[in-house]
Structure formats: structure tokens, C-alpha cells
């Protein structure tokens, strides 16, 4: 059950962090206004709380593993929001990252 909770929290954290950064990008670079900026700041703050809810108590381990989730999430976000099409190297790198996440977070200790 902790593994499922951890995976859900990682996915939520990625949506909040990547989405928050995207909202700020839209507000600043695309001149979409203060509403986008404010929503981005709120989303990034919620990301921090979400990361802190991970069942594993090790900050370094959680953030190191989250790095792999962030990479995969960023590619997925770019596909949905910007029409990015990953190539075989992007997909291979993403898979390596997910293997790293699994080893760091879920390997038996």
C-alpha cells in the first residue's frame, strides 16, 4: 500500500511542479497575466507539501527519486501541452529514469 501511495504522490507532485512552472512560463513569457503567475506559485507551493507526504522519511532519497519522475513527467507534459514528439532516445532515457526511481524508492532494504 505504501508503494501505491508513493507512486500516486509522485504523479501528483509532478503535475503540481511541472504545471506550476508551466503556468509561470505562460504568465511571464506568453504575457498571460497575474492569474497564471499566481496559480503557478500556488501549484509550486502545493508541490512542496505533496513531496513531504511521501511514506519514506528520507528527504534525499525522495527528492533523488523524484528527479526521475520529473524527467518523465516533463516529457509527458511537453507531449500534451506543446505537441512534442519524443524520439527513441527520449523514451529510452525516460525508461532508465523510471528504473532508477524504482531502485531508489522500492528496492528491498
Protein backbone atom coordinates (compact mmCIF):
# COMPACT_ATOMS: atom_id res chain seq x y z
CA UNK A 1 0.00 0.00 0.00
CA UNK A 2 2.90 2.38 0.72
CA UNK A 3 4.24 1.79 -2.79
CA UNK A 4 0.91 2.72 -4.38
CA UNK A 5 0.63 5.80 -2.16
CA UNK A 6 4.17 6.79 -3.11
CA UNK A 7 3.51 6.42 -6.85
CA UNK A 8 0.32 8.49 -6.60
CA UNK A 9 2.15 11.19 -4.63
CA UNK A 10 4.99 11.25 -7.19
CA UNK A 11 2.48 11.67 -10.02
CA UNK A 12 0.65 14.44 -8.16
CA UNK A 13 3.93 16.17 -7.32
CA UNK A 14 4.95 16.09 -10.99
CA UNK A 15 1.65 17.61 -12.13
CA UNK A 16 1.92 20.35 -9.50
CA UNK A 17 5.58 21.19 -10.11
CA UNK A 18 5.59 20.96 -13.89
CA UNK A 19 2.15 22.55 -14.14
CA UNK A 20 3.18 25.35 -11.79
CA UNK A 21 6.32 26.06 -13.76
CA UNK A 22 4.31 25.99 -17.00
CA UNK A 23 1.77 28.44 -15.58
CA UNK A 24 4.54 30.84 -14.57
CA UNK A 25 6.12 30.43 -18.02
CA UNK A 26 2.78 31.30 -19.58
CA UNK A 27 2.34 34.31 -17.32
CA UNK A 28 5.82 35.69 -17.98
CA UNK A 29 6.85 34.53 -21.46
CA UNK A 30 3.43 34.47 -23.08
CA UNK A 31 2.12 37.55 -21.23
CA UNK A 32 -0.96 35.74 -19.94
CA UNK A 33 -1.13 37.75 -16.74
CA UNK A 34 -1.11 37.64 -12.99
CA UNK A 35 -3.73 34.92 -12.72
CA UNK A 36 -1.37 32.44 -14.41
CA UNK A 37 1.52 33.62 -12.24
CA UNK A 38 -0.49 33.30 -9.03
CA UNK A 39 -1.81 29.88 -9.94
CA UNK A 40 1.74 28.79 -10.73
CA UNK A 41 3.03 29.96 -7.37
CA UNK A 42 0.22 28.13 -5.56
CA UNK A 43 0.86 24.94 -7.54
CA UNK A 44 4.58 25.05 -6.77
CA UNK A 45 3.84 25.53 -3.08
CA UNK A 46 1.47 22.55 -3.11
CA UNK A 47 4.19 20.50 -4.81
CA UNK A 48 6.42 21.05 -1.78
CA UNK A 49 3.74 19.78 0.58
CA UNK A 50 3.00 16.79 -1.66
CA UNK A 51 6.64 15.74 -1.72
CA UNK A 52 6.70 15.91 2.08
CA UNK A 53 3.85 13.37 2.31
CA UNK A 54 5.91 10.50 0.84
CA UNK A 55 5.87 7.41 3.10
CA UNK A 56 9.69 7.20 3.01
CA UNK A 57 11.12 9.62 5.54
CA UNK A 58 14.40 10.22 3.73
CA UNK A 59 14.40 13.69 2.10
CA UNK A 60 17.42 12.92 -0.06
CA UNK A 61 16.05 9.59 -1.25
CA UNK A 62 12.61 11.02 -2.06
CA UNK A 63 13.98 14.03 -3.95
CA UNK A 64 16.57 11.93 -5.80
CA UNK A 65 13.90 9.50 -6.96
CA UNK A 66 11.53 12.34 -7.79
CA UNK A 67 14.15 13.64 -10.22
CA UNK A 68 13.41 10.66 -12.46
CA UNK A 69 9.67 11.21 -12.16
CA UNK A 70 10.19 14.87 -13.05
CA UNK A 71 12.06 13.93 -16.23
CA UNK A 72 9.35 11.54 -17.38
CA UNK A 73 6.61 13.97 -16.37
CA UNK A 74 8.26 16.82 -18.25
CA UNK A 75 8.37 14.79 -21.45
CA UNK A 76 4.72 13.79 -21.00
CA UNK A 77 3.69 17.40 -20.28
CA UNK A 78 5.52 18.58 -23.41
CA UNK A 79 3.69 15.97 -25.46
CA UNK A 80 0.28 17.06 -24.20
CA UNK A 81 0.78 20.83 -23.88
CA UNK A 82 3.21 21.55 -26.71
CA UNK A 83 2.79 18.73 -29.21
CA UNK A 84 6.33 17.44 -28.54
CA UNK A 85 7.05 14.04 -30.05
CA UNK A 86 9.78 12.14 -28.20
CA UNK A 87 12.25 10.08 -30.19
CA UNK A 88 13.64 6.69 -29.25
CA UNK A 89 16.43 8.30 -27.21
CA UNK A 90 13.96 10.37 -25.20
CA UNK A 91 11.89 7.27 -24.47
CA UNK A 92 14.95 5.19 -23.62
CA UNK A 93 16.22 7.87 -21.25
CA UNK A 94 12.82 8.12 -19.60
CA UNK A 95 12.76 4.36 -19.08
CA UNK A 96 16.23 4.47 -17.49
CA UNK A 97 14.97 7.20 -15.16
CA UNK A 98 11.96 5.13 -14.10
CA UNK A 99 14.22 2.15 -13.40
CA UNK A 100 16.30 4.47 -11.23
CA UNK A 101 13.20 5.64 -9.38
CA UNK A 102 12.18 2.03 -8.72
CA UNK A 103 15.67 1.10 -7.45
CA UNK A 104 15.98 4.14 -5.20
CA UNK A 105 12.49 4.01 -3.70
CA UNK A 106 11.24 0.48 -3.85
CA UNK A 107 14.21 -1.90 -3.70
CA UNK A 108 14.09 -4.13 -0.63
CA UNK A 109 16.29 -2.85 2.19
